[in-house]
Amino acid sequence: MIHVASTSPAEGAVAALEPFAGAWRVEGTVYSERQCVEDPLASATPWTSDETYSWLPGGRFLLHQWDATIGREAFRGTEILGHDAETGFFAHLFDDRGNHRTYHVGRDGAIWTFSEPESRATITVAPGGDRLDIVWQWKNGGAEWLPLCDRVALRSA
């Protein structure tokens, strides 16, 4: 079981990640590897997950963990978010399928962007902080950006 701290120990720039802290129930749609530019929404499959963001000891990094079901398949992973004075916000992602990525993370008010050469996301924090609108895109081996998944996260704790 994951315990989520109710208060943030974070200080400085990394404290901007605080809106993510807590537990979330996420639902949406993920698209398959069979998609193409002509059919970007191919094989839409439901996504559900329980996700948590919790501060690691010292408040310098935010740990994101998810336990998802995509259709009938389990999908789990971990992401560590932080801030570096020289390069800004970042995220390191690891999942149970062997994927590992490093994202540059940007922020413009309530809109957060995650990007690396093959995938990118926009996460919008709703006023009040109880909803995240999440849109992921990927290149899926090509040059064009295609939808990867569209999800909505509702704060559950």
N, C-alpha and C. Protein backbone atom coordinates (compact mmCIF):
# COMPACT_ATOMS: atom_id res chain seq x y z
N MET A 1 0.84 -1.18 0.00
CA MET A 1 0.00 0.00 0.00
C MET A 1 0.88 1.24 0.00
N ILE A 2 0.48 2.24 -0.75
CA ILE A 2 1.22 3.48 -0.84
C ILE A 2 0.55 4.51 0.07
N HIS A 3 1.34 5.15 0.92
CA HIS A 3 0.82 6.20 1.78
C HIS A 3 1.23 7.54 1.19
N VAL A 4 0.28 8.46 1.14
CA VAL A 4 0.53 9.76 0.55
C VAL A 4 0.54 10.81 1.65
N ALA A 5 1.63 11.58 1.72
CA ALA A 5 1.72 12.63 2.72
C ALA A 5 0.69 13.71 2.41
N SER A 6 0.06 14.23 3.45
CA SER A 6 -0.96 15.25 3.24
C SER A 6 -0.37 16.65 3.11
N THR A 7 0.88 16.81 3.51
CA THR A 7 1.54 18.11 3.36
C THR A 7 2.85 17.91 2.62
N SER A 8 3.27 18.93 1.94
CA SER A 8 4.48 18.86 1.14
C SER A 8 5.69 19.37 1.91
N PRO A 9 6.79 18.60 1.89
CA PRO A 9 8.03 19.11 2.46
C PRO A 9 8.84 19.91 1.45
N ALA A 10 8.33 20.02 0.21
CA ALA A 10 9.08 20.63 -0.88
C ALA A 10 9.22 22.14 -0.70
N GLU A 11 10.37 22.63 -1.13
CA GLU A 11 10.64 24.07 -1.12
C GLU A 11 11.28 24.45 -2.44
N GLY A 12 11.26 25.71 -2.77
CA GLY A 12 11.89 26.19 -4.00
C GLY A 12 11.08 25.81 -5.22
N ALA A 13 11.74 25.77 -6.37
CA ALA A 13 11.07 25.53 -7.65
C ALA A 13 10.34 24.19 -7.69
N VAL A 14 10.93 23.17 -7.06
CA VAL A 14 10.31 21.84 -7.11
C VAL A 14 8.93 21.84 -6.45
N ALA A 15 8.67 22.77 -5.57
CA ALA A 15 7.36 22.85 -4.91
C ALA A 15 6.23 23.12 -5.91
N ALA A 16 6.56 23.59 -7.11
CA ALA A 16 5.54 23.81 -8.14
C ALA A 16 4.86 22.50 -8.55
N LEU A 17 5.49 21.35 -8.24
CA LEU A 17 4.90 20.05 -8.55
C LEU A 17 3.79 19.65 -7.58
N GLU A 18 3.61 20.42 -6.54
CA GLU A 18 2.63 20.09 -5.49
C GLU A 18 1.23 19.78 -6.01
N PRO A 19 0.71 20.43 -7.06
CA PRO A 19 -0.65 20.09 -7.52
C PRO A 19 -0.82 18.63 -7.90
N PHE A 20 0.26 17.94 -8.22
CA PHE A 20 0.17 16.52 -8.57
C PHE A 20 0.07 15.63 -7.34
N ALA A 21 0.59 16.07 -6.20
CA ALA A 21 0.68 15.23 -5.01
C ALA A 21 -0.70 14.73 -4.58
N GLY A 22 -0.77 13.44 -4.30
CA GLY A 22 -2.01 12.84 -3.84
C GLY A 22 -2.32 11.58 -4.63
N ALA A 23 -3.54 11.10 -4.46
CA ALA A 23 -4.01 9.88 -5.13
C ALA A 23 -5.03 10.27 -6.19
N TRP A 24 -4.99 9.54 -7.31
CA TRP A 24 -5.82 9.85 -8.46
C TRP A 24 -6.45 8.58 -9.03
N ARG A 25 -7.67 8.70 -9.52
CA ARG A 25 -8.33 7.65 -10.30
C ARG A 25 -8.35 8.17 -11.73
N VAL A 26 -7.81 7.39 -12.65
CA VAL A 26 -7.63 7.86 -14.02
C VAL A 26 -8.40 6.94 -14.98
N GLU A 27 -9.10 7.56 -15.93
CA GLU A 27 -9.81 6.81 -16.96
C GLU A 27 -9.61 7.50 -18.30
N GLY A 28 -9.61 6.70 -19.35
CA GLY A 28 -9.47 7.28 -20.67
C GLY A 28 -9.32 6.22 -21.74
N THR A 29 -8.68 6.61 -22.83
CA THR A 29 -8.51 5.75 -24.00
C THR A 29 -7.06 5.77 -24.43
N VAL A 30 -6.56 4.59 -24.79
CA VAL A 30 -5.21 4.47 -25.35
C VAL A 30 -5.35 3.88 -26.75
N TYR A 31 -4.44 4.26 -27.65
CA TYR A 31 -4.53 3.82 -29.04
C TYR A 31 -3.40 2.85 -29.32
N SER A 32 -3.60 1.98 -30.29
CA SER A 32 -2.68 0.86 -30.48
C SER A 32 -1.55 1.16 -31.44
N GLU A 33 -0.62 0.24 -31.46
CA GLU A 33 0.52 0.34 -32.37
C GLU A 33 0.08 0.16 -33.82
N ARG A 34 -1.15 -0.26 -34.06
CA ARG A 34 -1.64 -0.44 -35.43
C ARG A 34 -2.09 0.87 -36.06
N GLN A 35 -2.07 1.95 -35.28
CA GLN A 35 -2.52 3.22 -35.82
C GLN A 35 -1.56 3.74 -36.89
N CYS A 36 -2.05 4.63 -37.71
CA CYS A 36 -1.25 5.28 -38.75
C CYS A 36 -1.83 6.67 -38.98
N VAL A 37 -1.17 7.45 -39.79
CA VAL A 37 -1.64 8.81 -40.05
C VAL A 37 -3.07 8.78 -40.61
N GLU A 38 -3.38 7.79 -41.44
CA GLU A 38 -4.71 7.69 -42.04
C GLU A 38 -5.77 7.25 -41.02
N ASP A 39 -5.37 6.53 -39.97
CA ASP A 39 -6.30 6.04 -38.96
C ASP A 39 -5.65 6.22 -37.58
N PRO A 40 -5.54 7.48 -37.10
CA PRO A 40 -4.81 7.74 -35.86
C PRO A 40 -5.48 7.23 -34.60
N LEU A 41 -6.77 6.89 -34.67
CA LEU A 41 -7.47 6.40 -33.48
C LEU A 41 -7.72 4.89 -33.55
N ALA A 42 -6.86 4.18 -34.27
CA ALA A 42 -7.02 2.74 -34.46
C ALA A 42 -7.03 2.00 -33.13
N SER A 43 -7.90 1.04 -33.06
CA SER A 43 -7.97 0.11 -31.93
C SER A 43 -8.01 0.81 -30.58
N ALA A 44 -8.86 1.80 -30.43
CA ALA A 44 -9.01 2.49 -29.15
C ALA A 44 -9.36 1.48 -28.07
N THR A 45 -8.64 1.57 -26.95
CA THR A 45 -8.78 0.62 -25.85
C THR A 45 -8.94 1.40 -24.55
N PRO A 46 -9.84 0.97 -23.66
CA PRO A 46 -10.02 1.70 -22.40
C PRO A 46 -8.80 1.59 -21.47
N TRP A 47 -8.54 2.67 -20.76
CA TRP A 47 -7.48 2.75 -19.75
C TRP A 47 -8.13 3.10 -18.43
N THR A 48 -7.79 2.37 -17.37
CA THR A 48 -8.16 2.76 -16.01
C THR A 48 -6.92 2.56 -15.15
N SER A 49 -6.73 3.45 -14.19
CA SER A 49 -5.57 3.30 -13.30
C SER A 49 -5.82 4.00 -11.98
N ASP A 50 -5.11 3.51 -10.99
CA ASP A 50 -4.98 4.20 -9.71
C ASP A 50 -3.55 4.68 -9.67
N GLU A 51 -3.38 5.98 -9.39
CA GLU A 51 -2.05 6.58 -9.44
C GLU A 51 -1.82 7.42 -8.20
N THR A 52 -0.57 7.46 -7.77
CA THR A 52 -0.21 8.31 -6.63
C THR A 52 1.03 9.11 -6.97
N TYR A 53 1.08 10.29 -6.41
CA TYR A 53 2.27 11.15 -6.45
C TYR A 53 2.58 11.46 -4.99
N SER A 54 3.77 11.10 -4.54
CA SER A 54 4.14 11.36 -3.15
C SER A 54 5.58 11.88 -3.09
N TRP A 55 5.82 12.77 -2.15
CA TRP A 55 7.16 13.36 -1.99
C TRP A 55 8.10 12.34 -1.38
N LEU A 56 9.26 12.21 -1.97
CA LEU A 56 10.30 11.37 -1.37
C LEU A 56 10.87 12.12 -0.16
N PRO A 57 11.49 11.39 0.78
CA PRO A 57 12.07 12.06 1.94
C PRO A 57 12.98 13.22 1.52
N GLY A 58 12.85 14.32 2.20
CA GLY A 58 13.63 15.51 1.88
C GLY A 58 12.90 16.48 0.98
N GLY A 59 11.83 16.03 0.30
CA GLY A 59 11.02 16.92 -0.52
C GLY A 59 11.69 17.41 -1.79
N ARG A 60 12.70 16.71 -2.28
CA ARG A 60 13.40 17.15 -3.50
C ARG A 60 12.85 16.49 -4.77
N PHE A 61 12.16 15.36 -4.60
CA PHE A 61 11.64 14.61 -5.75
C PHE A 61 10.24 14.13 -5.46
N LEU A 62 9.42 14.07 -6.51
CA LEU A 62 8.06 13.58 -6.40
C LEU A 62 7.99 12.22 -7.10
N LEU A 63 7.54 11.21 -6.37
CA LEU A 63 7.44 9.85 -6.88
C LEU A 63 6.03 9.62 -7.42
N HIS A 64 5.93 9.24 -8.69
CA HIS A 64 4.65 8.93 -9.33
C HIS A 64 4.63 7.44 -9.61
N GLN A 65 3.60 6.76 -9.11
CA GLN A 65 3.44 5.32 -9.36
C GLN A 65 2.05 5.08 -9.92
N TRP A 66 1.94 4.15 -10.88
CA TRP A 66 0.64 3.82 -11.42
C TRP A 66 0.46 2.33 -11.53
N ASP A 67 -0.80 1.92 -11.42
CA ASP A 67 -1.23 0.53 -11.57
C ASP A 67 -2.43 0.60 -12.50
N ALA A 68 -2.20 0.32 -13.78
CA ALA A 68 -3.22 0.52 -14.81
C ALA A 68 -3.69 -0.79 -15.40
N THR A 69 -4.86 -0.72 -16.01
CA THR A 69 -5.37 -1.79 -16.85
C THR A 69 -5.69 -1.16 -18.19
N ILE A 70 -5.09 -1.72 -19.23
CA ILE A 70 -5.35 -1.27 -20.60
C ILE A 70 -6.08 -2.42 -21.27
N GLY A 71 -7.37 -2.24 -21.52
CA GLY A 71 -8.18 -3.37 -21.98
C GLY A 71 -8.19 -4.41 -20.87
N ARG A 72 -7.50 -5.53 -21.09
CA ARG A 72 -7.40 -6.58 -20.06
C ARG A 72 -5.97 -6.77 -19.56
N GLU A 73 -5.06 -5.92 -20.02
CA GLU A 73 -3.65 -6.06 -19.65
C GLU A 73 -3.25 -5.11 -18.53
N ALA A 74 -2.47 -5.64 -17.60
CA ALA A 74 -1.93 -4.81 -16.52
C ALA A 74 -0.76 -4.00 -17.06
N PHE A 75 -0.59 -2.82 -16.52
CA PHE A 75 0.52 -1.94 -16.90
C PHE A 75 0.89 -1.12 -15.68
N ARG A 76 2.13 -1.30 -15.20
CA ARG A 76 2.57 -0.62 -13.98
C ARG A 76 3.86 0.15 -14.26
N GLY A 77 4.04 1.20 -13.48
CA GLY A 77 5.27 1.95 -13.66
C GLY A 77 5.52 2.95 -12.56
N THR A 78 6.69 3.55 -12.68
CA THR A 78 7.17 4.54 -11.72
C THR A 78 7.82 5.68 -12.49
N GLU A 79 7.63 6.86 -11.97
CA GLU A 79 8.23 8.05 -12.55
C GLU A 79 8.74 8.90 -11.39
N ILE A 80 9.88 9.51 -11.57
CA ILE A 80 10.41 10.42 -10.57
C ILE A 80 10.54 11.79 -11.21
N LEU A 81 9.89 12.78 -10.59
CA LEU A 81 9.91 14.15 -11.09
C LEU A 81 10.73 15.02 -10.16
N GLY A 82 11.40 16.01 -10.73
CA GLY A 82 12.20 16.92 -9.93
C GLY A 82 12.52 18.19 -10.69
N HIS A 83 13.41 18.96 -10.11
CA HIS A 83 13.83 20.22 -10.71
C HIS A 83 15.32 20.38 -10.52
N ASP A 84 15.99 20.78 -11.59
CA ASP A 84 17.42 21.05 -11.58
C ASP A 84 17.59 22.54 -11.90
N ALA A 85 18.40 23.22 -11.13
CA ALA A 85 18.57 24.67 -11.32
C ALA A 85 19.08 25.01 -12.72
N GLU A 86 19.85 24.12 -13.34
CA GLU A 86 20.41 24.40 -14.66
C GLU A 86 19.48 24.01 -15.81
N THR A 87 18.78 22.89 -15.68
CA THR A 87 17.99 22.39 -16.81
C THR A 87 16.49 22.48 -16.59
N GLY A 88 16.03 22.83 -15.41
CA GLY A 88 14.60 22.95 -15.13
C GLY A 88 13.99 21.65 -14.66
N PHE A 89 12.68 21.51 -14.90
CA PHE A 89 11.95 20.32 -14.47
C PHE A 89 12.30 19.14 -15.35
N PHE A 90 12.22 17.93 -14.77
CA PHE A 90 12.49 16.70 -15.50
C PHE A 90 11.65 15.57 -14.92
N ALA A 91 11.55 14.50 -15.68
CA ALA A 91 10.88 13.27 -15.22
C ALA A 91 11.64 12.08 -15.78
N HIS A 92 11.88 11.08 -14.93
CA HIS A 92 12.49 9.81 -15.35
C HIS A 92 11.42 8.74 -15.17
N LEU A 93 11.08 8.05 -16.25
CA LEU A 93 9.99 7.08 -16.26
C LEU A 93 10.53 5.67 -16.48
N PHE A 94 9.95 4.71 -15.75
CA PHE A 94 10.30 3.30 -15.87
C PHE A 94 9.01 2.50 -15.78
N ASP A 95 8.81 1.52 -16.69
CA ASP A 95 7.59 0.73 -16.59
C ASP A 95 7.88 -0.76 -16.66
N ASP A 96 6.85 -1.56 -16.41
CA ASP A 96 7.02 -3.01 -16.34
C ASP A 96 7.20 -3.67 -17.70
N ARG A 97 7.20 -2.88 -18.76
CA ARG A 97 7.46 -3.42 -20.10
C ARG A 97 8.90 -3.16 -20.53
N GLY A 98 9.68 -2.60 -19.61
CA GLY A 98 11.08 -2.34 -19.90
C GLY A 98 11.37 -0.99 -20.49
N ASN A 99 10.35 -0.15 -20.64
CA ASN A 99 10.57 1.20 -21.16
C ASN A 99 11.18 2.08 -20.09
N HIS A 100 12.07 2.95 -20.50
CA HIS A 100 12.62 3.97 -19.62
C HIS A 100 12.88 5.20 -20.46
N ARG A 101 12.38 6.32 -19.98
CA ARG A 101 12.49 7.57 -20.73
C ARG A 101 12.83 8.70 -19.78
N THR A 102 13.49 9.71 -20.34
CA THR A 102 13.75 10.94 -19.60
C THR A 102 13.05 12.06 -20.33
N TYR A 103 12.18 12.75 -19.62
CA TYR A 103 11.40 13.83 -20.21
C TYR A 103 11.88 15.18 -19.70
N HIS A 104 11.93 16.14 -20.61
CA HIS A 104 12.05 17.54 -20.21
C HIS A 104 10.63 17.97 -19.86
N VAL A 105 10.46 18.62 -18.73
CA VAL A 105 9.14 19.03 -18.28
C VAL A 105 9.09 20.55 -18.25
N GLY A 106 8.07 21.11 -18.85
CA GLY A 106 7.87 22.54 -18.86
C GLY A 106 6.57 22.91 -18.18
N ARG A 107 6.46 24.15 -17.81
CA ARG A 107 5.25 24.62 -17.13
C ARG A 107 4.90 26.02 -17.61
N ASP A 108 3.63 26.21 -17.93
CA ASP A 108 3.09 27.53 -18.24
C ASP A 108 1.79 27.64 -17.47
N GLY A 109 1.87 28.17 -16.25
CA GLY A 109 0.70 28.25 -15.39
C GLY A 109 0.22 26.86 -15.02
N ALA A 110 -1.03 26.55 -15.37
CA ALA A 110 -1.63 25.25 -15.04
C ALA A 110 -1.36 24.19 -16.08
N ILE A 111 -0.60 24.53 -17.12
CA ILE A 111 -0.34 23.58 -18.20
C ILE A 111 1.10 23.08 -18.10
N TRP A 112 1.24 21.77 -18.00
CA TRP A 112 2.55 21.11 -17.92
C TRP A 112 2.79 20.33 -19.21
N THR A 113 4.01 20.37 -19.71
CA THR A 113 4.36 19.60 -20.90
C THR A 113 5.53 18.67 -20.57
N PHE A 114 5.46 17.47 -21.09
CA PHE A 114 6.51 16.46 -20.95
C PHE A 114 6.95 16.12 -22.37
N SER A 115 8.25 16.14 -22.63
CA SER A 115 8.67 15.86 -24.00
C SER A 115 10.01 15.14 -24.04
N GLU A 116 10.12 14.26 -25.01
CA GLU A 116 11.35 13.59 -25.41
C GLU A 116 11.18 13.29 -26.89
N PRO A 117 12.19 12.83 -27.59
CA PRO A 117 12.08 12.74 -29.05
C PRO A 117 10.92 11.90 -29.60
N GLU A 118 10.48 10.86 -28.88
CA GLU A 118 9.46 9.97 -29.43
C GLU A 118 8.08 10.11 -28.80
N SER A 119 7.96 10.84 -27.70
CA SER A 119 6.65 11.00 -27.06
C SER A 119 6.58 12.34 -26.34
N ARG A 120 5.34 12.81 -26.18
CA ARG A 120 5.14 14.07 -25.49
C ARG A 120 3.74 14.08 -24.89
N ALA A 121 3.57 14.91 -23.87
CA ALA A 121 2.28 15.01 -23.20
C ALA A 121 2.00 16.43 -22.79
N THR A 122 0.71 16.73 -22.67
CA THR A 122 0.24 17.97 -22.08
C THR A 122 -0.70 17.58 -20.95
N ILE A 123 -0.42 18.10 -19.77
CA ILE A 123 -1.28 17.85 -18.61
C ILE A 123 -1.77 19.20 -18.12
N THR A 124 -3.09 19.35 -18.08
CA THR A 124 -3.69 20.59 -17.62
C THR A 124 -4.31 20.35 -16.25
N VAL A 125 -3.88 21.14 -15.28
CA VAL A 125 -4.42 21.07 -13.92
C VAL A 125 -5.63 22.00 -13.88
N ALA A 126 -6.79 21.43 -13.55
CA ALA A 126 -8.03 22.22 -13.51
C ALA A 126 -8.02 23.16 -12.31
N PRO A 127 -8.76 24.27 -12.41
CA PRO A 127 -8.90 25.15 -11.24
C PRO A 127 -9.40 24.35 -10.04
N GLY A 128 -8.82 24.57 -8.90
CA GLY A 128 -9.16 23.81 -7.70
C GLY A 128 -8.28 22.59 -7.51
N GLY A 129 -7.60 22.13 -8.59
CA GLY A 129 -6.62 21.06 -8.49
C GLY A 129 -7.14 19.65 -8.32
N ASP A 130 -8.44 19.41 -8.57
CA ASP A 130 -8.98 18.07 -8.38
C ASP A 130 -9.15 17.28 -9.67
N ARG A 131 -8.64 17.83 -10.79
CA ARG A 131 -8.76 17.16 -12.08
C ARG A 131 -7.52 17.47 -12.90
N LEU A 132 -7.03 16.43 -13.61
CA LEU A 132 -5.94 16.57 -14.58
C LEU A 132 -6.46 16.07 -15.92
N ASP A 133 -6.32 16.88 -16.95
CA ASP A 133 -6.62 16.45 -18.32
C ASP A 133 -5.29 16.11 -18.98
N ILE A 134 -5.16 14.86 -19.42
CA ILE A 134 -3.88 14.32 -19.87
C ILE A 134 -3.99 13.90 -21.33
N VAL A 135 -3.12 14.43 -22.17
CA VAL A 135 -3.09 14.08 -23.60
C VAL A 135 -1.67 13.69 -23.95
N TRP A 136 -1.48 12.43 -24.36
CA TRP A 136 -0.17 11.94 -24.79
C TRP A 136 -0.17 11.74 -26.30
N GLN A 137 1.00 12.01 -26.91
CA GLN A 137 1.21 11.73 -28.33
C GLN A 137 2.53 10.98 -28.48
N TRP A 138 2.67 10.27 -29.59
CA TRP A 138 3.91 9.56 -29.89
C TRP A 138 4.11 9.53 -31.40
N LYS A 139 5.31 9.17 -31.79
CA LYS A 139 5.61 9.09 -33.23
C LYS A 139 5.38 7.69 -33.78
N ASN A 140 5.32 6.69 -32.93
CA ASN A 140 5.04 5.31 -33.33
C ASN A 140 5.89 4.87 -34.53
N GLY A 141 7.17 5.23 -34.47
CA GLY A 141 8.11 4.81 -35.51
C GLY A 141 8.12 5.69 -36.75
N GLY A 142 7.26 6.67 -36.82
CA GLY A 142 7.21 7.54 -37.99
C GLY A 142 7.63 8.95 -37.66
N ALA A 143 7.35 9.86 -38.57
CA ALA A 143 7.72 11.26 -38.38
C ALA A 143 6.57 12.10 -37.84
N GLU A 144 5.34 11.60 -37.96
CA GLU A 144 4.15 12.36 -37.55
C GLU A 144 3.79 12.06 -36.10
N TRP A 145 3.32 13.08 -35.38
CA TRP A 145 2.81 12.88 -34.03
C TRP A 145 1.40 12.31 -34.13
N LEU A 146 1.15 11.22 -33.40
CA LEU A 146 -0.15 10.56 -33.36
C LEU A 146 -0.66 10.50 -31.93
N PRO A 147 -1.97 10.40 -31.72
CA PRO A 147 -2.48 10.26 -30.36
C PRO A 147 -1.99 8.96 -29.74
N LEU A 148 -1.54 9.02 -28.51
CA LEU A 148 -1.17 7.81 -27.75
C LEU A 148 -2.27 7.48 -26.75
N CYS A 149 -2.67 8.49 -25.97
CA CYS A 149 -3.80 8.28 -25.05
C CYS A 149 -4.36 9.62 -24.62
N ASP A 150 -5.63 9.59 -24.29
CA ASP A 150 -6.35 10.73 -23.72
C ASP A 150 -6.97 10.24 -22.42
N ARG A 151 -6.65 10.93 -21.31
CA ARG A 151 -7.14 10.47 -20.01
C ARG A 151 -7.57 11.65 -19.15
N VAL A 152 -8.41 11.34 -18.19
CA VAL A 152 -8.83 12.32 -17.18
C VAL A 152 -8.54 11.69 -15.82
N ALA A 153 -7.83 12.45 -14.98
CA ALA A 153 -7.53 12.01 -13.62
C ALA A 153 -8.36 12.83 -12.65
N LEU A 154 -9.05 12.14 -11.74
CA LEU A 154 -9.81 12.81 -10.69
C LEU A 154 -9.18 12.47 -9.35
N ARG A 155 -8.98 13.49 -8.56
CA ARG A 155 -8.34 13.28 -7.24
C ARG A 155 -9.21 12.37 -6.40
N SER A 156 -8.60 11.33 -5.84
CA SER A 156 -9.35 10.37 -5.02
C SER A 156 -8.97 10.49 -3.55
N ALA A 157 -7.90 11.18 -3.22
CA ALA A 157 -7.53 11.41 -1.81
C ALA A 157 -6.57 12.57 -1.73
